[in-house]
């Protein structure tokens, strides 16, 4: 599914990733763990196209993935951000349907029906008309997951999905991740929580700052 070949990324004189090679198979859960400054989030941002790599190649199904030059890459990789990044002025339903209607050009009715199904599946029925400030942290996390899934990505990436959650909500996120695995979703998760990683991951990539 996903292959990274000799990926390099620097910020100024600071080298973050140096000729990194990595493979993630279809339906696999990869957890990226390690100390701060090791490049976990940078790697995730490079994979998702939020950061441009300095060198190397990212391939999906054997084809070079470059969101800066290729077309129709908007729904290849979904991202669930650590801070959720929900639009505060939009309702839950509007947050989930915005990209499908604007980017994928879906009809509003179809996008809303699909969004409601996703929200129901994440135990968010009845929350469609609420705004982000009216939601708990766990509810915001699930809305962010629904928003990413609404684009029907091949790969779903998470940046520290349990960092602000109590143990009960962490267990909920674990269940969501494992249920998506049953559906065949390939998932890449950056986390500082080693226990969480060991419970859900097929493979664990440990990173550390270069020079250590």
Protein backbone atom coordinates (compact mmCIF):
# COMPACT_ATOMS: atom_id res chain seq x y z
CA UNK A 1 0.00 0.00 0.00
CA UNK A 2 2.44 2.69 1.22
CA UNK A 3 6.18 2.76 0.64
CA UNK A 4 8.67 5.43 1.62
CA UNK A 5 12.01 5.39 -0.17
CA UNK A 6 14.96 7.40 1.19
CA UNK A 7 12.77 10.16 2.62
CA UNK A 8 14.66 13.22 3.82
CA UNK A 9 13.36 16.37 5.48
CA UNK A 10 15.16 19.31 7.07
CA UNK A 11 14.12 22.62 8.56
CA UNK A 12 16.98 25.00 7.89
CA UNK A 13 20.15 23.32 9.13
CA UNK A 14 18.26 20.84 11.33
CA UNK A 15 17.89 17.42 9.71
CA UNK A 16 14.70 15.70 10.90
CA UNK A 17 14.48 12.70 8.56
CA UNK A 18 17.51 11.24 6.82
CA UNK A 19 17.02 8.62 4.07
CA UNK A 20 14.12 6.92 5.87
CA UNK A 21 12.69 3.75 4.33
CA UNK A 22 9.34 2.34 5.40
CA UNK A 23 6.58 0.02 4.18
CA UNK A 24 2.99 -0.15 5.41
CA UNK A 25 0.79 -2.94 4.08
CA UNK A 26 -2.90 -2.81 3.20
CA UNK A 27 -5.07 -2.84 6.31
CA UNK A 28 -2.09 -2.54 8.65
CA UNK A 29 -1.88 -0.34 11.74
CA UNK A 30 1.53 1.30 12.11
CA UNK A 31 2.27 3.24 15.29
CA UNK A 32 5.11 5.76 15.28
CA UNK A 33 6.49 6.28 18.77
CA UNK A 34 9.51 7.95 20.31
CA UNK A 35 10.79 10.92 22.23
CA UNK A 36 9.98 14.51 21.38
CA UNK A 37 12.06 15.93 18.56
CA UNK A 38 12.43 12.58 16.86
CA UNK A 39 10.38 13.59 13.86
CA UNK A 40 7.16 11.65 14.54
CA UNK A 41 4.76 14.41 13.55
CA UNK A 42 7.03 15.62 10.74
CA UNK A 43 7.01 12.11 9.26
CA UNK A 44 3.22 11.99 9.48
CA UNK A 45 2.94 15.40 7.82
CA UNK A 46 5.28 14.30 5.03
CA UNK A 47 3.26 11.14 4.43
CA UNK A 48 0.03 13.12 4.26
CA UNK A 49 1.46 15.85 2.04
CA UNK A 50 1.21 18.60 4.64
CA UNK A 51 5.00 18.97 4.50
CA UNK A 52 6.97 18.71 1.28
CA UNK A 53 9.82 16.20 1.42
CA UNK A 54 13.33 17.33 0.47
CA UNK A 55 14.29 14.02 -1.10
CA UNK A 56 13.10 10.49 -1.75
CA UNK A 57 9.77 9.11 -2.92
CA UNK A 58 6.40 8.27 -1.42
CA UNK A 59 4.58 5.52 -3.30
CA UNK A 60 1.01 4.30 -2.89
CA UNK A 61 0.13 1.05 -4.64
CA UNK A 62 3.43 1.35 -6.48
CA UNK A 63 2.64 4.81 -7.87
CA UNK A 64 4.47 7.97 -6.85
CA UNK A 65 2.31 10.06 -4.53
CA UNK A 66 2.89 13.80 -4.85
CA UNK A 67 -0.04 15.98 -3.72
CA UNK A 68 1.69 19.04 -5.14
CA UNK A 69 1.65 17.82 -8.73
CA UNK A 70 -0.80 14.91 -9.02
CA UNK A 71 -4.53 15.27 -9.40
CA UNK A 72 -7.23 13.52 -7.36
CA UNK A 73 -5.06 13.08 -4.28
CA UNK A 74 -7.45 14.85 -1.94
CA UNK A 75 -9.05 11.64 -0.72
CA UNK A 76 -6.01 9.33 -0.72
CA UNK A 77 -4.82 10.16 2.81
CA UNK A 78 -6.96 11.48 5.66
CA UNK A 79 -5.58 13.18 8.76
CA UNK A 80 -6.99 13.44 12.28
CA UNK A 81 -5.13 16.32 13.91
CA UNK A 82 -4.02 16.44 17.54
CA UNK A 83 -5.99 19.65 18.13
CA UNK A 84 -8.89 18.35 16.01
CA UNK A 85 -8.88 21.54 13.84
CA UNK A 86 -12.67 21.66 13.60
CA UNK A 87 -14.10 24.86 12.16
CA UNK A 88 -15.60 26.64 15.19
CA UNK A 89 -18.23 28.52 13.15
CA UNK A 90 -19.61 25.35 11.55
CA UNK A 91 -21.87 22.71 13.07
CA UNK A 92 -20.79 19.10 13.42
CA UNK A 93 -22.64 18.17 10.24
CA UNK A 94 -21.19 21.12 8.32
CA UNK A 95 -17.66 20.22 9.47
CA UNK A 96 -18.06 16.69 8.15
CA UNK A 97 -19.73 17.61 4.84
CA UNK A 98 -17.62 20.64 3.88
CA UNK A 99 -14.79 18.80 2.09
CA UNK A 100 -16.95 16.17 0.34
CA UNK A 101 -19.16 18.89 -1.15
CA UNK A 102 -16.39 21.34 -2.02
CA UNK A 103 -13.55 19.00 -3.00
CA UNK A 104 -15.31 15.84 -4.16
CA UNK A 105 -18.26 17.84 -5.56
CA UNK A 106 -20.83 15.60 -3.91
CA UNK A 107 -24.42 16.73 -3.81
CA UNK A 108 -25.32 18.18 -0.42
CA UNK A 109 -28.03 15.59 0.27
CA UNK A 110 -25.70 12.67 -0.46
CA UNK A 111 -22.88 14.18 1.61
CA UNK A 112 -25.22 14.80 4.54
CA UNK A 113 -26.63 11.26 4.46
CA UNK A 114 -23.13 9.78 4.40
CA UNK A 115 -22.03 12.13 7.20
CA UNK A 116 -24.98 11.15 9.40
CA UNK A 117 -24.17 7.48 8.91
CA UNK A 118 -20.57 8.12 9.95
CA UNK A 119 -21.63 10.14 12.98
CA UNK A 120 -24.13 7.48 14.03
CA UNK A 121 -21.42 4.84 13.73
CA UNK A 122 -19.24 6.90 16.08
CA UNK A 123 -22.02 7.33 18.67
CA UNK A 124 -22.63 10.97 17.71
CA UNK A 125 -26.27 10.72 16.70
CA UNK A 126 -28.15 13.86 17.72
CA UNK A 127 -25.00 15.98 17.72
CA UNK A 128 -25.25 17.08 14.08
CA UNK A 129 -26.45 20.60 14.89
CA UNK A 130 -23.99 21.33 17.69
CA UNK A 131 -20.92 23.54 17.37
CA UNK A 132 -17.42 22.42 18.44
CA UNK A 133 -17.50 24.50 21.64
CA UNK A 134 -20.52 22.48 22.75
CA UNK A 135 -18.67 19.17 22.50
CA UNK A 136 -16.41 17.29 24.90
CA UNK A 137 -12.85 16.43 23.92
CA UNK A 138 -13.85 12.87 23.11
CA UNK A 139 -16.74 14.05 20.95
CA UNK A 140 -14.48 16.46 19.07
CA UNK A 141 -12.06 13.61 18.45
CA UNK A 142 -14.82 11.46 16.95
CA UNK A 143 -16.09 14.32 14.79
CA UNK A 144 -12.53 14.80 13.50
CA UNK A 145 -12.39 11.08 12.65
CA UNK A 146 -15.76 11.28 10.90
CA UNK A 147 -14.58 14.30 8.92
CA UNK A 148 -11.49 12.45 7.74
CA UNK A 149 -13.49 9.31 6.87
CA UNK A 150 -16.01 11.36 4.89
CA UNK A 151 -13.34 11.81 2.21
CA UNK A 152 -13.11 8.00 1.90
CA UNK A 153 -9.31 7.91 2.25
CA UNK A 154 -7.18 4.88 1.50
CA UNK A 155 -4.98 5.66 4.50
CA UNK A 156 -5.99 7.37 7.75
CA UNK A 157 -3.34 9.17 9.82
CA UNK A 158 -3.69 10.31 13.43
CA UNK A 159 -1.46 12.72 15.33
CA UNK A 160 -1.50 11.88 19.07
CA UNK A 161 -5.18 10.79 19.11
CA UNK A 162 -5.22 10.03 22.85
CA UNK A 163 -3.04 12.84 24.22
CA UNK A 164 -5.89 14.82 25.80
CA UNK A 165 -8.19 11.93 26.66
CA UNK A 166 -8.83 10.06 29.90
CA UNK A 167 -8.46 6.26 30.01
CA UNK A 168 -12.11 5.64 29.18
CA UNK A 169 -12.00 7.78 26.06
CA UNK A 170 -8.65 6.29 25.09
CA UNK A 171 -10.37 2.90 25.10
CA UNK A 172 -13.06 4.36 22.82
CA UNK A 173 -10.43 5.54 20.33
CA UNK A 174 -8.83 2.10 20.49
CA UNK A 175 -12.17 0.48 19.61
CA UNK A 176 -12.67 2.88 16.69
CA UNK A 177 -9.19 2.16 15.30
CA UNK A 178 -9.64 -1.61 15.60
CA UNK A 179 -13.11 -1.48 14.02
CA UNK A 180 -11.68 0.47 11.08
CA UNK A 181 -8.98 -2.20 10.77
CA UNK A 182 -11.71 -4.83 10.45
CA UNK A 183 -13.09 -2.80 7.55
CA UNK A 184 -9.67 -2.89 5.88
CA UNK A 185 -8.54 0.66 6.64
CA UNK A 186 -4.78 1.25 6.61
CA UNK A 187 -3.89 3.46 9.60
CA UNK A 188 -0.78 5.31 10.75
CA UNK A 189 -0.75 6.64 14.30
CA UNK A 190 1.72 8.95 15.99
CA UNK A 191 1.52 8.45 19.73
CA UNK A 192 3.55 8.92 22.90
CA UNK A 193 1.43 6.24 24.61
CA UNK A 194 3.41 3.02 24.33
CA UNK A 195 0.71 0.94 26.01
CA UNK A 196 -1.86 2.17 23.48
CA UNK A 197 0.54 1.43 20.62
CA UNK A 198 1.25 -2.09 21.81
CA UNK A 199 -2.47 -2.85 22.11
CA UNK A 200 -3.41 -1.82 18.58
CA UNK A 201 -0.35 -1.88 16.31
CA UNK A 202 0.67 -4.48 13.78
CA UNK A 203 4.05 -2.76 13.63
CA UNK A 204 5.74 -0.10 15.73
CA UNK A 205 8.33 2.35 14.38
CA UNK A 206 10.47 3.88 17.12
CA UNK A 207 12.10 7.17 16.21
CA UNK A 208 14.59 9.36 18.06
CA UNK A 209 16.33 12.64 17.30
CA UNK A 210 19.20 12.25 14.86
CA UNK A 211 22.58 12.15 16.60
CA UNK A 212 21.32 10.14 19.59
